[in-house]
Amino acid sequence: MSADSEPLRAADTEPLQGAGAEPLQGAGAEPLRAADAEPLQGAGAEPLRSVLIAGVGNAWMRDDGFGGTVARRLAQLALPHGVTVMDAGTGGLDLAYEVMRGYDALVLVDVSRRGGEPGTLYVIDVDESTVAPSIEDGETLDPHGMDPRTVLRFVRGAGAWPGRVVVIACEPADAERAGWGLSGAVSDAVERAAALVLETVAQLRALPDPA
């Protein structure tokens, strides 16, 4: 998602760590483990069966490639059964169709300018009621330029809204200029974001199945 596009509206947004915070994994630290994503389930509760993690953004626009970088990091792990990771890039229509296959929860990883220091991470719980329920008649959609907000409008209009939608967002330093590679602060946030995604997935999978 480009940094100047309108961010998703959310029921709750909390900054986690600023650019000066220590990353969750430093040189010589233990790598992320799949076990970190296992849920703690309440007695008698059936867990959510399926979660899609999707990294979005344009890798040729510097920090806008953050979501894809985190998705590729997570793809190196043996994730729990029922958890799928996808580097959606700028293929918004592909992401929409994947979501419409039916998932109990969706975790989007993206950049978002919200006023914090570059590298700050945010957890945004998206309320379905804040997303327009359809695409307007005559509205043109670019299948390679659908930002997450438009993807969610498309999915909601098709009646395929996943049970829960959470966005893990990072404050970018530079997402407006063409170029390859993340800025230092955003690159340092990749490991923290991957760990935060695993924590979020564990929390989602511990929730009762809405079905």
Protein backbone atom coordinates (compact mmCIF):
# COMPACT_ATOMS: atom_id res chain seq x y z
CA MET A 1 0.00 0.00 0.00
CA SER A 2 1.44 3.37 -0.90
CA ALA A 3 2.18 5.59 2.04
CA ASP A 4 -0.16 8.37 0.88
CA SER A 5 -3.24 6.15 0.48
CA GLU A 6 -5.99 6.35 3.06
CA PRO A 7 -5.25 3.92 5.89
CA LEU A 8 -7.73 1.28 6.99
CA ARG A 9 -10.02 2.49 9.72
CA ALA A 10 -9.69 0.40 12.82
CA ALA A 11 -11.46 -0.28 16.06
CA ASP A 12 -8.17 -0.10 17.93
CA THR A 13 -4.64 1.00 17.05
CA GLU A 14 -1.74 0.65 19.45
CA PRO A 15 1.91 1.49 18.73
CA LEU A 16 4.30 -1.16 20.00
CA GLN A 17 7.94 -0.14 19.69
CA GLY A 18 9.70 2.89 18.28
CA ALA A 19 12.76 2.94 16.07
CA GLY A 20 15.05 3.09 19.06
CA ALA A 21 13.68 -0.08 20.64
CA GLU A 22 15.70 -3.28 20.64
CA PRO A 23 14.56 -5.84 18.05
CA LEU A 24 13.15 -9.13 19.28
CA GLN A 25 16.03 -11.00 17.68
CA GLY A 26 19.60 -9.81 17.57
CA ALA A 27 22.73 -11.40 16.19
CA GLY A 28 23.27 -14.68 17.98
CA ALA A 29 19.73 -14.81 19.38
CA GLU A 30 17.62 -17.92 18.94
CA PRO A 31 15.68 -17.89 15.63
CA LEU A 32 11.92 -17.68 15.52
CA ARG A 33 10.34 -21.08 16.05
CA ALA A 34 7.07 -22.48 14.77
CA ALA A 35 6.21 -23.36 18.36
CA ASP A 36 5.99 -19.63 19.05
CA ALA A 37 2.78 -19.61 16.99
CA GLU A 38 0.99 -22.40 18.86
CA PRO A 39 -2.19 -21.13 20.54
CA LEU A 40 -3.19 -21.38 24.16
CA GLN A 41 -6.75 -22.67 24.05
CA GLY A 42 -9.44 -22.19 26.62
CA ALA A 43 -11.23 -25.18 28.06
CA GLY A 44 -13.80 -26.59 25.66
CA ALA A 45 -13.27 -23.89 23.01
CA GLU A 46 -12.82 -24.96 19.39
CA PRO A 47 -9.94 -22.97 17.85
CA LEU A 48 -10.08 -21.04 14.62
CA ARG A 49 -9.21 -23.52 11.90
CA SER A 50 -7.52 -21.36 9.27
CA VAL A 51 -5.54 -18.11 9.20
CA LEU A 52 -4.11 -16.35 6.14
CA ILE A 53 -1.06 -14.12 6.61
CA ALA A 54 -0.58 -11.79 3.64
CA GLY A 55 2.28 -9.37 3.11
CA VAL A 56 1.35 -6.55 0.75
CA GLY A 57 3.19 -3.68 -0.92
CA ASN A 58 5.47 -2.73 -3.78
CA ALA A 59 9.03 -4.00 -3.30
CA TRP A 60 10.28 -1.41 -5.82
CA MET A 61 9.16 1.47 -3.57
CA ARG A 62 11.67 1.04 -0.74
CA ASP A 63 9.83 0.60 2.58
CA ASP A 64 6.59 -0.34 0.82
CA GLY A 65 8.22 -3.74 0.39
CA PHE A 66 8.06 -4.35 4.16
CA GLY A 67 5.00 -6.61 4.05
CA GLY A 68 6.51 -8.92 1.46
CA THR A 69 9.80 -9.08 3.38
CA VAL A 70 8.01 -10.18 6.55
CA ALA A 71 5.94 -12.73 4.60
CA ARG A 72 9.09 -14.26 3.11
CA ARG A 73 10.65 -14.45 6.57
CA LEU A 74 7.60 -16.27 7.91
CA ALA A 75 7.58 -18.62 4.91
CA GLN A 76 10.92 -19.97 6.16
CA LEU A 77 9.20 -21.32 9.28
CA ALA A 78 7.15 -24.46 9.80
CA LEU A 79 3.89 -22.73 10.68
CA PRO A 80 1.05 -24.50 12.50
CA HIS A 81 -1.44 -26.53 10.49
CA GLY A 82 -4.09 -24.29 8.96
CA VAL A 83 -1.85 -21.20 8.81
CA THR A 84 -0.99 -20.01 5.29
CA VAL A 85 1.47 -17.25 4.40
CA MET A 86 1.36 -15.31 1.11
CA ASP A 87 3.55 -12.60 -0.36
CA ALA A 88 0.78 -10.77 -2.22
CA GLY A 89 2.95 -7.89 -3.42
CA THR A 90 0.74 -5.53 -5.41
CA GLY A 91 -1.52 -8.34 -6.66
CA GLY A 92 -4.61 -7.15 -4.83
CA LEU A 93 -7.04 -9.18 -6.93
CA ASP A 94 -5.04 -12.36 -6.32
CA LEU A 95 -5.19 -11.64 -2.59
CA ALA A 96 -8.93 -11.01 -2.73
CA TYR A 97 -9.56 -14.33 -4.47
CA GLU A 98 -7.33 -16.14 -1.98
CA VAL A 99 -9.26 -14.63 0.95
CA MET A 100 -12.51 -15.68 -0.72
CA ARG A 101 -11.43 -19.32 -0.57
CA GLY A 102 -12.54 -19.10 3.05
CA TYR A 103 -10.41 -18.30 6.10
CA ASP A 104 -11.41 -17.83 9.72
CA ALA A 105 -8.98 -14.91 10.08
CA LEU A 106 -6.77 -12.67 7.95
CA VAL A 107 -3.55 -10.97 9.07
CA LEU A 108 -2.30 -8.28 6.69
CA VAL A 109 1.27 -6.96 6.94
CA ASP A 110 1.85 -3.54 5.42
CA VAL A 111 3.26 -0.05 5.96
CA SER A 112 1.12 2.80 7.23
CA ARG A 113 1.95 6.42 8.03
CA ARG A 114 0.40 7.09 11.42
CA GLY A 115 2.83 9.66 12.81
CA GLY A 116 5.24 7.47 14.76
CA GLU A 117 8.98 7.05 14.37
CA PRO A 118 10.09 4.93 11.38
CA GLY A 119 10.07 1.28 12.43
CA THR A 120 7.19 1.69 14.88
CA LEU A 121 4.80 -1.27 14.70
CA TYR A 122 1.03 -1.02 15.02
CA VAL A 123 -1.65 -3.65 15.58
CA ILE A 124 -4.93 -2.62 13.92
CA ASP A 125 -8.08 -4.66 14.52
CA VAL A 126 -10.33 -3.97 11.53
CA ASP A 127 -14.04 -3.78 12.23
CA GLU A 128 -16.10 -5.06 9.28
CA SER A 129 -18.63 -2.25 9.79
CA THR A 130 -15.94 0.35 8.95
CA VAL A 131 -15.33 -1.13 5.48
CA ALA A 132 -17.66 -0.13 2.62
CA PRO A 133 -19.83 -3.14 1.76
CA SER A 134 -19.43 -3.03 -2.01
CA ILE A 135 -17.66 -1.63 -5.05
CA GLU A 136 -19.68 1.22 -6.55
CA ASP A 137 -21.28 0.83 -9.99
CA GLY A 138 -18.94 2.15 -12.66
CA GLU A 139 -15.93 2.11 -10.34
CA THR A 140 -12.80 0.84 -12.08
CA LEU A 141 -10.44 -1.48 -10.24
CA ASP A 142 -6.82 -2.04 -11.21
CA PRO A 143 -6.11 -5.72 -10.36
CA HIS A 144 -2.44 -4.82 -9.78
CA GLY A 145 -3.15 -1.68 -7.80
CA MET A 146 -5.76 -2.71 -5.23
CA ASP A 147 -4.62 -1.56 -1.79
CA PRO A 148 -5.72 -3.56 1.31
CA ARG A 149 -8.70 -1.27 1.92
CA THR A 150 -10.01 -1.94 -1.61
CA VAL A 151 -9.32 -5.67 -1.25
CA LEU A 152 -11.44 -5.76 1.91
CA ARG A 153 -14.25 -3.82 0.19
CA PHE A 154 -14.19 -6.34 -2.64
CA VAL A 155 -14.23 -9.29 -0.23
CA ARG A 156 -17.01 -7.84 1.91
CA GLY A 157 -19.09 -7.06 -1.16
CA ALA A 158 -18.74 -10.70 -2.22
CA GLY A 159 -19.96 -11.86 1.19
CA ALA A 160 -16.62 -13.55 1.99
CA TRP A 161 -15.44 -11.51 4.98
CA PRO A 162 -13.13 -13.62 7.19
CA GLY A 163 -14.12 -13.91 10.84
CA ARG A 164 -11.36 -11.56 12.05
CA VAL A 165 -9.07 -9.12 10.22
CA VAL A 166 -5.92 -7.73 11.84
CA VAL A 167 -3.32 -5.46 10.23
CA ILE A 168 0.28 -5.46 11.44
CA ALA A 169 1.63 -2.17 10.11
CA CYS A 170 5.04 -0.50 10.21
CA GLU A 171 5.74 3.23 10.10
CA PRO A 172 7.86 3.75 6.95
CA ALA A 173 10.77 6.12 6.50
CA ASP A 174 10.71 6.17 2.68
CA ALA A 175 7.90 4.64 0.66
CA GLU A 176 7.38 7.36 -1.95
CA ARG A 177 10.56 7.04 -4.04
CA ALA A 178 11.37 4.20 -6.41
CA GLY A 179 14.20 2.05 -5.18
CA TRP A 180 15.06 -1.39 -3.89
CA GLY A 181 15.60 -2.27 -0.25
CA LEU A 182 14.20 -1.21 3.10
CA SER A 183 15.48 1.74 5.11
CA GLY A 184 17.52 0.90 8.19
CA ALA A 185 14.77 1.46 10.76
CA VAL A 186 12.21 -0.53 8.80
CA SER A 187 14.67 -3.35 8.07
CA ASP A 188 15.38 -3.57 11.80
CA ALA A 189 11.63 -3.98 12.42
CA VAL A 190 11.26 -7.10 10.22
CA GLU A 191 12.16 -9.63 12.95
CA ARG A 192 10.00 -7.83 15.50
CA ALA A 193 7.11 -7.81 13.06
CA ALA A 194 7.50 -11.51 12.27
CA ALA A 195 7.41 -12.33 15.98
CA LEU A 196 4.38 -10.05 16.42
CA VAL A 197 2.57 -11.81 13.56
CA LEU A 198 3.22 -15.18 15.22
CA GLU A 199 1.90 -13.83 18.52
CA THR A 200 -1.19 -12.41 16.79
CA VAL A 201 -1.84 -15.71 14.98
CA ALA A 202 -1.60 -17.60 18.27
CA GLN A 203 -4.14 -15.24 19.84
CA LEU A 204 -6.49 -15.58 16.87
CA ARG A 205 -6.26 -19.36 16.86
CA ALA A 206 -7.11 -19.43 20.56
CA LEU A 207 -10.44 -17.72 19.86
CA PRO A 208 -13.60 -19.84 19.54
CA ASP A 209 -14.48 -20.75 15.96
CA PRO A 210 -17.21 -18.28 14.86
CA ALA A 211 -18.88 -21.10 12.89
